[in-house]
C-alpha atoms as a PDB file:
ATOM      1  CA  MET A   1    -128.964 -31.465  50.140  1.00  0.00           C
ATOM      2  CA  PRO A   2    -125.309 -32.505  50.263  1.00  0.00           C
ATOM      3  CA  SER A   3    -122.815 -29.845  49.245  1.00  0.00           C
ATOM      4  CA  TRP A   4    -120.764 -30.087  46.064  1.00  0.00           C
ATOM      5  CA  ASN A   5    -117.726 -31.205  48.078  1.00  0.00           C
ATOM      6  CA  GLU A   6    -119.753 -33.913  49.805  1.00  0.00           C
ATOM      7  CA  VAL A   7    -121.118 -35.218  46.518  1.00  0.00           C
ATOM      8  CA  LEU A   8    -117.614 -35.199  45.047  1.00  0.00           C
ATOM      9  CA  SER A   9    -116.174 -37.020  48.069  1.00  0.00           C
ATOM     10  CA  GLU A  10    -118.833 -39.708  47.868  1.00  0.00           C
ATOM     11  CA  PHE A  11    -118.201 -40.112  44.144  1.00  0.00           C
ATOM     12  CA  GLU A  12    -114.440 -40.399  44.609  1.00  0.00           C
ATOM     13  CA  ALA A  13    -114.943 -43.002  47.341  1.00  0.00           C
ATOM     14  CA  THR A  14    -116.976 -45.174  44.967  1.00  0.00           C
ATOM     15  CA  PRO A  15    -114.949 -47.783  43.018  1.00  0.00           C
ATOM     16  CA  ASP A  16    -114.527 -46.857  39.349  1.00  0.00           C
ATOM     17  CA  PRO A  17    -116.588 -49.765  37.980  1.00  0.00           C
ATOM     18  CA  ALA A  18    -119.509 -48.704  40.193  1.00  0.00           C
ATOM     19  CA  LYS A  19    -119.352 -44.977  39.436  1.00  0.00           C
ATOM     20  CA  PRO A  20    -121.764 -44.958  36.448  1.00  0.00           C
ATOM     21  CA  ASN A  21    -124.422 -46.871  38.394  1.00  0.00           C
ATOM     22  CA  TRP A  22    -123.908 -44.606  41.420  1.00  0.00           C
ATOM     23  CA  LEU A  23    -124.388 -41.484  39.330  1.00  0.00           C
ATOM     24  CA  GLN A  24    -127.442 -42.841  37.541  1.00  0.00           C
ATOM     25  CA  ALA A  25    -129.097 -43.999  40.756  1.00  0.00           C
ATOM     26  CA  ARG A  26    -128.517 -40.653  42.483  1.00  0.00           C
ATOM     27  CA  GLN A  27    -129.683 -38.725  39.423  1.00  0.00           C
ATOM     28  CA  THR A  28    -132.839 -40.806  39.043  1.00  0.00           C
ATOM     29  CA  ALA A  29    -133.681 -40.324  42.715  1.00  0.00           C
ATOM     30  CA  ALA A  30    -133.324 -36.543  42.417  1.00  0.00           C
ATOM     31  CA  LEU A  31    -135.499 -36.445  39.290  1.00  0.00           C
ATOM     32  CA  LYS A  32    -138.162 -38.582  40.956  1.00  0.00           C
ATOM     33  CA  GLU A  33    -138.269 -36.139  43.860  1.00  0.00           C
ATOM     34  CA  ILE A  34    -138.621 -33.190  41.491  1.00  0.00           C
ATOM     35  CA  GLY A  35    -141.561 -34.941  39.835  1.00  0.00           C
ATOM     36  CA  ARG A  36    -143.204 -35.597  43.179  1.00  0.00           C
ATOM     37  CA  LEU A  37    -142.781 -31.991  44.257  1.00  0.00           C
ATOM     38  CA  ARG A  38    -144.233 -30.721  40.969  1.00  0.00           C
ATOM     39  CA  GLY A  39    -147.482 -32.643  41.342  1.00  0.00           C
ATOM     40  CA  ASP A  40    -146.533 -36.157  40.247  1.00  0.00           C
ATOM     41  CA  ARG A  41    -145.096 -35.222  36.856  1.00  0.00           C
ATOM     42  CA  HIS A  42    -142.534 -36.983  34.748  1.00  0.00           C
ATOM     43  CA  VAL A  43    -139.125 -35.289  34.722  1.00  0.00           C
ATOM     44  CA  LEU A  44    -136.572 -35.049  31.944  1.00  0.00           C
ATOM     45  CA  LEU A  45    -133.077 -33.648  32.409  1.00  0.00           C
ATOM     46  CA  TYR A  46    -131.358 -32.273  29.295  1.00  0.00           C
ATOM     47  CA  GLY A  47    -127.852 -31.012  29.948  1.00  0.00           C
ATOM     48  CA  ALA A  48    -124.712 -30.214  27.954  1.00  0.00           C
ATOM     49  CA  ALA A  49    -121.065 -29.871  29.003  1.00  0.00           C
ATOM     50  CA  PHE A  50    -120.435 -26.531  27.286  1.00  0.00           C
ATOM     51  CA  LEU A  51    -118.967 -25.109  30.511  1.00  0.00           C
ATOM     52  CA  GLN A  52    -116.797 -28.120  31.364  1.00  0.00           C
ATOM     53  CA  LYS A  53    -115.649 -28.956  27.813  1.00  0.00           C
ATOM     54  CA  PRO A  54    -115.508 -25.725  25.796  1.00  0.00           C
ATOM     55  CA  GLN A  55    -113.142 -27.426  23.335  1.00  0.00           C
ATOM     56  CA  ALA A  56    -115.743 -30.066  22.384  1.00  0.00           C
ATOM     57  CA  PRO A  57    -117.181 -29.975  18.840  1.00  0.00           C
ATOM     58  CA  PRO A  58    -120.357 -27.842  18.635  1.00  0.00           C
ATOM     59  CA  GLN A  59    -122.535 -30.825  17.687  1.00  0.00           C
ATOM     60  CA  ASN A  60    -121.555 -32.483  20.971  1.00  0.00           C
ATOM     61  CA  VAL A  61    -122.823 -29.710  23.215  1.00  0.00           C
ATOM     62  CA  GLN A  62    -125.405 -27.806  21.180  1.00  0.00           C
ATOM     63  CA  ILE A  63    -129.044 -28.610  20.503  1.00  0.00           C
ATOM     64  CA  THR A  64    -129.107 -30.643  17.285  1.00  0.00           C
ATOM     65  CA  SER A  65    -131.528 -32.848  15.382  1.00  0.00           C
ATOM     66  CA  GLU A  66    -129.715 -35.883  16.789  1.00  0.00           C
ATOM     67  CA  ASP A  67    -131.218 -35.061  20.187  1.00  0.00           C
ATOM     68  CA  LEU A  68    -134.497 -36.517  18.977  1.00  0.00           C
ATOM     69  CA  ASN A  69    -132.928 -39.978  19.342  1.00  0.00           C
ATOM     70  CA  GLY A  70    -132.168 -39.253  22.976  1.00  0.00           C
ATOM     71  CA  LEU A  71    -135.664 -37.911  23.622  1.00  0.00           C
ATOM     72  CA  MET A  72    -137.243 -40.975  22.082  1.00  0.00           C
ATOM     73  CA  SER A  73    -135.093 -43.163  24.297  1.00  0.00           C
ATOM     74  CA  VAL A  74    -135.601 -41.471  27.668  1.00  0.00           C
ATOM     75  CA  ILE A  75    -139.332 -40.694  27.492  1.00  0.00           C
ATOM     76  CA  TYR A  76    -140.214 -44.170  26.274  1.00  0.00           C
ATOM     77  CA  GLY A  77    -142.839 -45.713  28.551  1.00  0.00           C
ATOM     78  CA  MET A  78    -143.862 -42.468  30.267  1.00  0.00           C
ATOM     79  CA  THR A  79    -147.505 -41.684  31.044  1.00  0.00           C
ATOM     80  CA  TRP A  80    -148.236 -38.689  28.822  1.00  0.00           C
ATOM     81  CA  ALA A  81    -151.208 -37.477  30.877  1.00  0.00           C
ATOM     82  CA  LYS A  82    -148.949 -36.754  33.869  1.00  0.00           C
ATOM     83  CA  GLY A  83    -147.262 -33.786  32.183  1.00  0.00           C
ATOM     84  CA  LEU A  84    -143.544 -33.076  31.947  1.00  0.00           C
ATOM     85  CA  THR A  85    -141.013 -31.062  33.928  1.00  0.00           C
ATOM     86  CA  LEU A  86    -137.977 -30.384  31.741  1.00  0.00           C
ATOM     87  CA  VAL A  87    -134.766 -29.450  33.587  1.00  0.00           C
ATOM     88  CA  LEU A  88    -132.823 -27.638  30.882  1.00  0.00           C
ATOM     89  CA  HIS A  89    -129.134 -26.648  30.752  1.00  0.00           C
ATOM     90  CA  THR A  90    -127.889 -25.656  27.306  1.00  0.00           C
ATOM     91  CA  PRO A  91    -125.995 -22.952  25.380  1.00  0.00           C
ATOM     92  CA  GLY A  92    -128.506 -23.270  22.534  1.00  0.00           C
ATOM     93  CA  GLY A  93    -128.037 -24.653  19.065  1.00  0.00           C
ATOM     94  CA  VAL A  94    -129.931 -25.208  15.833  1.00  0.00           C
ATOM     95  CA  THR A  95    -133.293 -23.441  15.523  1.00  0.00           C
ATOM     96  CA  ASN A  96    -134.772 -26.195  13.359  1.00  0.00           C
ATOM     97  CA  ALA A  97    -133.756 -28.770  15.952  1.00  0.00           C
ATOM     98  CA  ALA A  98    -135.470 -26.757  18.701  1.00  0.00           C
ATOM     99  CA  GLU A  99    -138.617 -26.699  16.577  1.00  0.00           C
ATOM    100  CA  THR A 100    -138.466 -30.479  16.149  1.00  0.00           C
ATOM    101  CA  ILE A 101    -137.928 -31.053  19.877  1.00  0.00           C
ATOM    102  CA  VAL A 102    -140.862 -28.835  20.841  1.00  0.00           C
ATOM    103  CA  ALA A 103    -143.119 -30.477  18.261  1.00  0.00           C
ATOM    104  CA  TYR A 104    -142.189 -33.947  19.519  1.00  0.00           C
ATOM    105  CA  LEU A 105    -142.626 -33.183  23.215  1.00  0.00           C
ATOM    106  CA  ARG A 106    -145.876 -31.304  22.600  1.00  0.00           C
ATOM    107  CA  SER A 107    -147.215 -34.274  20.647  1.00  0.00           C
ATOM    108  CA  LYS A 108    -146.787 -36.325  23.826  1.00  0.00           C
ATOM    109  CA  PHE A 109    -147.456 -33.998  26.774  1.00  0.00           C
ATOM    110  CA  GLN A 110    -150.321 -31.562  27.173  1.00  0.00           C
ATOM    111  CA  TYR A 111    -148.551 -29.706  30.001  1.00  0.00           C
ATOM    112  CA  ILE A 112    -144.835 -28.869  29.983  1.00  0.00           C
ATOM    113  CA  GLU A 113    -142.863 -26.710  32.375  1.00  0.00           C
ATOM    114  CA  VAL A 114    -139.160 -25.873  32.173  1.00  0.00           C
ATOM    115  CA  ILE A 115    -136.789 -25.495  35.116  1.00  0.00           C
ATOM    116  CA  VAL A 116    -133.592 -23.550  34.376  1.00  0.00           C
ATOM    117  CA  PRO A 117    -130.920 -24.263  37.026  1.00  0.00           C
ATOM    118  CA  THR A 118    -128.427 -21.873  35.401  1.00  0.00           C
ATOM    119  CA  TYR A 119    -128.392 -21.467  31.593  1.00  0.00           C
ATOM    120  CA  ALA A 120    -130.975 -22.015  28.845  1.00  0.00           C
ATOM    121  CA  MET A 121    -129.657 -19.768  26.083  1.00  0.00           C
ATOM    122  CA  SER A 122    -130.587 -19.098  22.446  1.00  0.00           C
ATOM    123  CA  ALA A 123    -132.436 -22.182  21.135  1.00  0.00           C
ATOM    124  CA  GLY A 124    -132.755 -23.257  24.781  1.00  0.00           C
ATOM    125  CA  THR A 125    -134.663 -20.047  25.425  1.00  0.00           C
ATOM    126  CA  MET A 126    -136.897 -20.882  22.468  1.00  0.00           C
ATOM    127  CA  ILE A 127    -137.727 -24.271  23.988  1.00  0.00           C
ATOM    128  CA  SER A 128    -138.378 -22.622  27.360  1.00  0.00           C
ATOM    129  CA  LEU A 129    -140.795 -20.139  25.774  1.00  0.00           C
ATOM    130  CA  ALA A 130    -142.710 -23.073  24.265  1.00  0.00           C
ATOM    131  CA  SER A 131    -143.616 -24.288  27.773  1.00  0.00           C
ATOM    132  CA  ASP A 132    -146.570 -23.462  30.001  1.00  0.00           C
ATOM    133  CA  ARG A 133    -144.372 -22.060  32.774  1.00  0.00           C
ATOM    134  CA  ILE A 134    -140.689 -21.530  33.548  1.00  0.00           C
ATOM    135  CA  VAL A 135    -139.035 -21.940  36.950  1.00  0.00           C
ATOM    136  CA  MET A 136    -135.907 -19.826  37.488  1.00  0.00           C
ATOM    137  CA  GLY A 137    -133.592 -19.096  40.400  1.00  0.00           C
ATOM    138  CA  ARG A 138    -131.658 -15.924  41.119  1.00  0.00           C
ATOM    139  CA  GLN A 139    -128.729 -17.402  39.208  1.00  0.00           C
ATOM    140  CA  SER A 140    -130.773 -18.606  36.228  1.00  0.00           C
ATOM    141  CA  GLN A 141    -130.754 -16.943  32.849  1.00  0.00           C
ATOM    142  CA  LEU A 142    -132.338 -17.045  29.443  1.00  0.00           C
ATOM    143  CA  GLY A 143    -130.904 -15.247  26.424  1.00  0.00           C
ATOM    144  CA  PRO A 144    -131.674 -13.558  23.106  1.00  0.00           C
ATOM    145  CA  ILE A 145    -133.019 -15.786  20.336  1.00  0.00           C
ATOM    146  CA  ASP A 146    -131.669 -13.912  17.293  1.00  0.00           C
ATOM    147  CA  PRO A 147    -130.112 -16.457  14.889  1.00  0.00           C
ATOM    148  CA  GLN A 148    -126.345 -16.630  14.383  1.00  0.00           C
ATOM    149  CA  PHE A 149    -124.555 -17.238  11.071  1.00  0.00           C
ATOM    150  CA  ILE A 150    -121.113 -18.749  10.718  1.00  0.00           C
ATOM    151  CA  VAL A 151    -119.157 -16.420   8.425  1.00  0.00           C
ATOM    152  CA  GLY A 152    -115.498 -17.316   7.961  1.00  0.00           C
ATOM    153  CA  SER A 153    -114.106 -18.338  11.337  1.00  0.00           C
ATOM    154  CA  GLY A 154    -116.652 -16.490  13.461  1.00  0.00           C
ATOM    155  CA  ALA A 155    -120.362 -16.052  14.100  1.00  0.00           C
ATOM    156  CA  LEU A 156    -122.454 -13.053  13.107  1.00  0.00           C
ATOM    157  CA  SER A 157    -125.867 -12.079  14.411  1.00  0.00           C
ATOM    158  CA  ALA A 158    -128.570 -12.125  11.757  1.00  0.00           C
ATOM    159  CA  ARG A 159    -129.785  -8.814  13.165  1.00  0.00           C
ATOM    160  CA  ALA A 160    -126.288  -7.310  12.819  1.00  0.00           C
ATOM    161  CA  ILE A 161    -126.205  -8.334   9.152  1.00  0.00           C
ATOM    162  CA  VAL A 162    -129.587  -6.714   8.488  1.00  0.00           C
ATOM    163  CA  ASP A 163    -128.720  -3.585  10.474  1.00  0.00           C
ATOM    164  CA  GLN A 164    -125.429  -3.225   8.617  1.00  0.00           C
ATOM    165  CA  PHE A 165    -127.167  -3.261   5.237  1.00  0.00           C
ATOM    166  CA  GLU A 166    -129.801  -0.794   6.431  1.00  0.00           C
ATOM    167  CA  ARG A 167    -127.098   1.541   7.695  1.00  0.00           C
ATOM    168  CA  ALA A 168    -125.182   1.284   4.431  1.00  0.00           C
ATOM    169  CA  LYS A 169    -128.345   2.004   2.442  1.00  0.00           C
ATOM    170  CA  LYS A 170    -129.128   5.083   4.536  1.00  0.00           C
ATOM    171  CA  GLU A 171    -125.591   6.506   4.325  1.00  0.00           C
ATOM    172  CA  ILE A 172    -125.241   5.880   0.589  1.00  0.00           C
ATOM    173  CA  LEU A 173    -128.621   7.497  -0.177  1.00  0.00           C
ATOM    174  CA  ALA A 174    -127.567  10.518   1.870  1.00  0.00           C
ATOM    175  CA  ASN A 175    -124.117  10.729   0.277  1.00  0.00           C
ATOM    176  CA  THR A 176    -123.269   8.648  -2.791  1.00  0.00           C
ATOM    177  CA  THR A 177    -119.522   8.925  -2.141  1.00  0.00           C
ATOM    178  CA  ALA A 178    -120.088   6.663   0.877  1.00  0.00           C
ATOM    179  CA  ALA A 179    -120.624   3.801  -1.583  1.00  0.00           C
ATOM    180  CA  HIS A 180    -116.824   3.548  -2.028  1.00  0.00           C
ATOM    181  CA  VAL A 181    -116.421   2.941   1.698  1.00  0.00           C
ATOM    182  CA  TRP A 182    -119.234   0.428   1.927  1.00  0.00           C
ATOM    183  CA  ALA A 183    -118.495  -1.511  -1.281  1.00  0.00           C
ATOM    184  CA  PRO A 184    -115.801  -3.907   0.071  1.00  0.00           C
ATOM    185  CA  ILE A 185    -117.806  -4.514   3.255  1.00  0.00           C
ATOM    186  CA  LEU A 186    -121.015  -5.340   1.424  1.00  0.00           C
ATOM    187  CA  GLN A 187    -119.213  -7.526  -1.094  1.00  0.00           C
ATOM    188  CA  SER A 188    -117.760  -9.643   1.709  1.00  0.00           C
ATOM    189  CA  VAL A 189    -121.253 -10.416   2.997  1.00  0.00           C
ATOM    190  CA  GLY A 190    -123.420 -10.405  -0.109  1.00  0.00           C
ATOM    191  CA  PRO A 191    -127.146  -9.942  -0.759  1.00  0.00           C
ATOM    192  CA  ALA A 192    -127.958 -13.654  -0.399  1.00  0.00           C
ATOM    193  CA  LEU A 193    -126.788 -13.627   3.201  1.00  0.00           C
ATOM    194  CA  LEU A 194    -128.895 -10.529   3.840  1.00  0.00           C
ATOM    195  CA  GLN A 195    -132.032 -12.337   2.692  1.00  0.00           C
ATOM    196  CA  GLU A 196    -131.089 -15.432   4.700  1.00  0.00           C
ATOM    197  CA  ALA A 197    -130.636 -13.240   7.784  1.00  0.00           C
ATOM    198  CA  ARG A 198    -134.038 -11.610   7.302  1.00  0.00           C
ATOM    199  CA  ASN A 199    -135.682 -14.987   6.798  1.00  0.00           C
ATOM    200  CA  ALA A 200    -134.032 -16.446   9.899  1.00  0.00           C
ATOM    201  CA  LEU A 201    -135.071 -13.525  12.098  1.00  0.00           C
ATOM    202  CA  ASP A 202    -138.655 -13.738  10.899  1.00  0.00           C
ATOM    203  CA  TYR A 203    -138.759 -17.534  11.149  1.00  0.00           C
ATOM    204  CA  GLY A 204    -137.546 -17.738  14.747  1.00  0.00           C
ATOM    205  CA  GLU A 205    -139.678 -14.868  15.981  1.00  0.00           C
ATOM    206  CA  ARG A 206    -142.840 -16.180  14.327  1.00  0.00           C
ATOM    207  CA  MET A 207    -142.211 -19.655  15.710  1.00  0.00           C
ATOM    208  CA  VAL A 208    -141.738 -18.457  19.296  1.00  0.00           C
ATOM    209  CA  ALA A 209    -144.726 -16.116  19.056  1.00  0.00           C
ATOM    210  CA  GLY A 210    -146.845 -19.033  17.865  1.00  0.00           C
ATOM    211  CA  TRP A 211    -145.785 -21.185  20.811  1.00  0.00           C
ATOM    212  CA  LEU A 212    -146.422 -18.396  23.311  1.00  0.00           C
ATOM    213  CA  GLY A 213    -149.896 -17.763  21.916  1.00  0.00           C
ATOM    214  CA  GLN A 214    -150.752 -21.441  21.896  1.00  0.00           C
ATOM    215  CA  TYR A 215    -149.404 -22.395  25.323  1.00  0.00           C
ATOM    216  CA  MET A 216    -148.119 -19.871  27.881  1.00  0.00           C
ATOM    217  CA  PHE A 217    -150.466 -17.037  26.855  1.00  0.00           C
ATOM    218  CA  ARG A 218    -153.478 -19.114  25.866  1.00  0.00           C
ATOM    219  CA  GLU A 219    -155.623 -17.592  28.645  1.00  0.00           C
ATOM    220  CA  GLU A 220    -154.648 -13.992  27.854  1.00  0.00           C
ATOM    221  CA  ARG A 221    -157.304 -11.757  26.275  1.00  0.00           C
ATOM    222  CA  ARG A 222    -155.060 -10.470  23.458  1.00  0.00           C
ATOM    223  CA  ARG A 223    -152.767 -13.454  23.429  1.00  0.00           C
ATOM    224  CA  ASN A 224    -151.499 -13.207  19.839  1.00  0.00           C
ATOM    225  CA  ALA A 225    -150.526  -9.536  20.118  1.00  0.00           C
ATOM    226  CA  LEU A 226    -148.857 -10.187  23.472  1.00  0.00           C
ATOM    227  CA  ALA A 227    -147.047 -13.216  22.058  1.00  0.00           C
ATOM    228  CA  ARG A 228    -145.652 -11.181  19.154  1.00  0.00           C
ATOM    229  CA  LYS A 229    -144.471  -8.440  21.519  1.00  0.00           C
ATOM    230  CA  THR A 230    -142.725 -10.901  23.827  1.00  0.00           C
ATOM    231  CA  ALA A 231    -141.093 -12.794  20.958  1.00  0.00           C
ATOM    232  CA  ARG A 232    -139.875  -9.495  19.486  1.00  0.00           C
ATOM    233  CA  HIS A 233    -138.240  -8.578  22.817  1.00  0.00           C
ATOM    234  CA  PHE A 234    -136.213 -11.804  22.881  1.00  0.00           C
ATOM    235  CA  ASN A 235    -135.352 -11.418  19.182  1.00  0.00           C
ATOM    236  CA  ASP A 236    -134.255  -7.780  19.394  1.00  0.00           C
ATOM    237  CA  ALA A 237    -130.466  -7.987  19.064  1.00  0.00           C
ATOM    238  CA  SER A 238    -130.316  -4.235  18.496  1.00  0.00           C
ATOM    239  CA  LYS A 239    -131.413  -3.859  22.119  1.00  0.00           C
ATOM    240  CA  HIS A 240    -129.555  -6.778  23.689  1.00  0.00           C
ATOM    241  CA  LYS A 241    -126.259  -6.011  21.870  1.00  0.00           C
ATOM    242  CA  SER A 242    -124.847  -9.467  22.644  1.00  0.00           C
ATOM    243  CA  HIS A 243    -126.218 -12.917  21.826  1.00  0.00           C
ATOM    244  CA  GLY A 244    -124.873 -14.093  25.177  1.00  0.00           C
ATOM    245  CA  ARG A 245    -126.596 -11.342  27.172  1.00  0.00           C
ATOM    246  CA  ARG A 246    -128.221 -12.448  30.420  1.00  0.00           C
ATOM    247  CA  ILE A 247    -132.019 -12.200  30.566  1.00  0.00           C
ATOM    248  CA  ASP A 248    -132.975 -12.868  34.171  1.00  0.00           C
ATOM    249  CA  ARG A 249    -136.375 -13.744  35.584  1.00  0.00           C
ATOM    250  CA  ASP A 250    -137.285 -10.139  36.361  1.00  0.00           C
ATOM    251  CA  GLU A 251    -136.729  -9.084  32.763  1.00  0.00           C
ATOM    252  CA  ALA A 252    -138.620 -12.145  31.529  1.00  0.00           C
ATOM    253  CA  ARG A 253    -141.559 -11.251  33.765  1.00  0.00           C
ATOM    254  CA  SER A 254    -141.489  -7.677  32.451  1.00  0.00           C
ATOM    255  CA  VAL A 255    -142.552  -9.036  29.051  1.00  0.00           C
ATOM    256  CA  LYS A 256    -145.219 -11.279  30.630  1.00  0.00           C
ATOM    257  CA  VAL A 257    -143.325 -14.589  30.627  1.00  0.00           C
ATOM    258  CA  ALA A 258    -144.821 -16.874  33.303  1.00  0.00           C
ATOM    259  CA  VAL A 259    -141.932 -17.407  35.727  1.00  0.00           C
ATOM    260  CA  ASP A 260    -141.976 -19.051  39.165  1.00  0.00           C
ATOM    261  CA  ASP A 261    -139.156 -18.573  41.677  1.00  0.00           C
ATOM    262  CA  LEU A 262    -137.075 -21.679  42.315  1.00  0.00           C
ATOM    263  CA  GLU A 263    -136.446 -20.419  45.859  1.00  0.00           C
ATOM    264  CA  ALA A 264    -140.182 -20.500  46.624  1.00  0.00           C
ATOM    265  CA  SER A 265    -139.721 -24.167  47.582  1.00  0.00           C
ATOM    266  CA  GLN A 266    -136.556 -25.005  49.483  1.00  0.00           C
ATOM    267  CA  GLU A 267    -137.121 -28.707  48.908  1.00  0.00           C
ATOM    268  CA  LEU A 268    -137.500 -28.228  45.153  1.00  0.00           C
ATOM    269  CA  GLN A 269    -134.438 -26.014  44.996  1.00  0.00           C
ATOM    270  CA  GLU A 270    -132.366 -28.651  46.772  1.00  0.00           C
ATOM    271  CA  GLN A 271    -133.447 -31.434  44.432  1.00  0.00           C
ATOM    272  CA  VAL A 272    -132.887 -29.328  41.305  1.00  0.00           C
ATOM    273  CA  LEU A 273    -129.409 -28.334  42.469  1.00  0.00           C
ATOM    274  CA  SER A 274    -128.655 -31.952  43.380  1.00  0.00           C
ATOM    275  CA  ALA A 275    -129.560 -33.004  39.830  1.00  0.00           C
ATOM    276  CA  TYR A 276    -127.451 -30.158  38.470  1.00  0.00           C
ATOM    277  CA  HIS A 277    -124.411 -31.060  40.623  1.00  0.00           C
ATOM    278  CA  LEU A 278    -124.642 -34.722  39.617  1.00  0.00           C
ATOM    279  CA  MET A 279    -124.834 -33.724  35.948  1.00  0.00           C
ATOM    280  CA  THR A 280    -121.771 -31.510  36.412  1.00  0.00           C
ATOM    281  CA  LEU A 281    -119.937 -34.415  38.026  1.00  0.00           C
ATOM    282  CA  LEU A 282    -120.769 -36.620  35.058  1.00  0.00           C
ATOM    283  CA  PHE A 283    -119.278 -34.042  32.691  1.00  0.00           C
ATOM    284  CA  GLU A 284    -116.172 -33.342  34.759  1.00  0.00           C
ATOM    285  CA  LYS A 285    -115.245 -36.949  35.544  1.00  0.00           C
ATOM    286  CA  GLY A 286    -116.131 -38.703  32.304  1.00  0.00           C
ATOM    287  CA  PRO A 287    -116.148 -38.217  28.528  1.00  0.00           C
ATOM    288  CA  ALA A 288    -119.841 -37.258  28.446  1.00  0.00           C
ATOM    289  CA  THR A 289    -120.694 -34.018  26.637  1.00  0.00           C
ATOM    290  CA  LYS A 290    -124.477 -34.337  26.694  1.00  0.00           C
ATOM    291  CA  VAL A 291    -126.936 -36.236  28.869  1.00  0.00           C
ATOM    292  CA  LEU A 292    -130.661 -36.850  28.767  1.00  0.00           C
ATOM    293  CA  ALA A 293    -132.035 -38.597  31.842  1.00  0.00           C
ATOM    294  CA  SER A 294    -135.536 -39.261  33.116  1.00  0.00           C
ATOM    295  CA  ASP A 295    -137.266 -40.004  36.402  1.00  0.00           C
ATOM    296  CA  THR A 296    -137.967 -43.499  35.029  1.00  0.00           C
ATOM    297  CA  GLY A 297    -134.233 -44.290  35.116  1.00  0.00           C
ATOM    298  CA  ARG A 298    -133.621 -44.160  31.384  1.00  0.00           C
ATOM    299  CA  VAL A 299    -130.422 -42.362  30.328  1.00  0.00           C
ATOM    300  CA  TYR A 300    -128.969 -41.252  26.986  1.00  0.00           C
ATOM    301  CA  VAL A 301    -125.353 -40.034  26.973  1.00  0.00           C
ATOM    302  CA  LYS A 302    -123.274 -38.562  24.155  1.00  0.00           C
ATOM    303  CA  ASN A 303    -119.561 -39.107  24.719  1.00  0.00           C
ATOM    304  CA  TRP A 304    -116.518 -37.355  23.301  1.00  0.00           C
ATOM    305  CA  GLN A 305    -112.957 -38.441  23.992  1.00  0.00           C
ATOM    306  CA  HIS A 306    -110.488 -35.569  23.823  1.00  0.00           C
ATOM    307  CA  PRO A 307    -107.157 -36.911  22.501  1.00  0.00           C
ATOM    308  CA  GLN A 308    -105.189 -35.096  25.221  1.00  0.00           C
ATOM    309  CA  LEU A 309    -107.464 -35.860  28.171  1.00  0.00           C
ATOM    310  CA  GLN A 310    -107.900 -39.105  30.030  1.00  0.00           C
ATOM    311  CA  PHE A 311    -111.181 -39.862  31.781  1.00  0.00           C
ATOM    312  CA  PRO A 312    -111.422 -42.482  34.518  1.00  0.00           C
ATOM    313  CA  VAL A 313    -115.010 -43.522  33.793  1.00  0.00           C
ATOM    314  CA  GLN A 314    -116.716 -44.518  30.546  1.00  0.00           C
ATOM    315  CA  PHE A 315    -120.461 -44.029  30.232  1.00  0.00           C
ATOM    316  CA  ALA A 316    -122.308 -46.101  27.664  1.00  0.00           C
ATOM    317  CA  THR A 317    -125.034 -44.724  25.421  1.00  0.00           C
ATOM    318  CA  PRO A 318    -128.208 -46.863  25.471  1.00  0.00           C
ATOM    319  CA  PRO A 319    -130.115 -47.498  22.225  1.00  0.00           C
ATOM    320  CA  ALA A 320    -133.019 -45.229  21.318  1.00  0.00           C
ATOM    321  CA  GLY A 321    -136.540 -46.512  21.756  1.00  0.00           C
ATOM    322  CA  GLY A 322    -140.194 -45.526  21.507  1.00  0.00           C
END
C-alpha cells in the first residue's frame, strides 16, 4: 500500500483535467480488491467530509434522506446474491434517513457487513448495527445512538432532556420550594419537547434492537432479549455522557456485537486504508463533501463550494438510477 505522501505526490503529478478519472480509477480498484478479499462481494463506499470541511452545511455531510438517490445510483446493476461490504465513514445524521437506508439495502442484499476505517457515529452506528458483522481496526470507533435535538443555537441529547425533567420532578416532590428554581428552566424546554425526547429515545432503541434480533443476533438463543440489551447500551447517554464518546471494538464486543479485527488480514487492511486515503484526497482537493462509490465504478458525489475557498478540481455528480 502506498503511503499517504506517495498517494498525494502521484495525485499532484497528475494533470488537473485527469485528476477526477485518476481518483475514480484508483478508488474502484481498491473497492474491487476489498470485494475479492471478502469472498467476492460487492463493495460500497459511503464517506463524508465532516473532518475536512467542518464549516459545510449539515445536510452536506450528515446522513440524510437525499442519500437514497446516491444509493440507487451506485448499486444499480449489482448482483444482489453476492452480498454487500459497506465501507462507512460518517458523523451520523437523521435517524429516519438511517432507517430508510437500512430498509433499502436490506431489500436488495441478504448479507451485509460494515467496515469502519475510522468513524461511524450516531446514525452511522445504527446502520452498522443493522449489519451481519462489523470490521473495525484499532483506530475505528462507533458512538452512542441517543437522538439529538436542536434547541436554539445548540444541540441537546434527548436523554439529557428526559433526565432533567425527572430530576426536577424528584426535587420538587421532595421540596416544593425547589419549583421556583426549576420553573424558568422547565419553561424554556417545555412538556412537548419532553414527550418528543421520550419518543425519539424509544424509537431509535426499538429500531436498532429489531435489526440486531433480525440480522446480527439471529442465531442467538435469546436473540430478542440480547438485542434489547445491546441497543440499550448504545442508547444510554446517562452512561456515555457525551454523544461523541468513542465506543471501540472491545466495548462493542462486550455487548455481543459481532466484530472482526481489520488487522487480521494485512491485505484487507491495506486496501481499506487505500480507499480511505483516496476518499480523503477527494475531500481535501475538491469541493466534494460526500461520496458514494462502488466496486462497479459508479460514483455519486455531493459538492459544496465554500465562497472563500478555491478548489482546483471539480467533480461531477452522475444522475441517479435503478
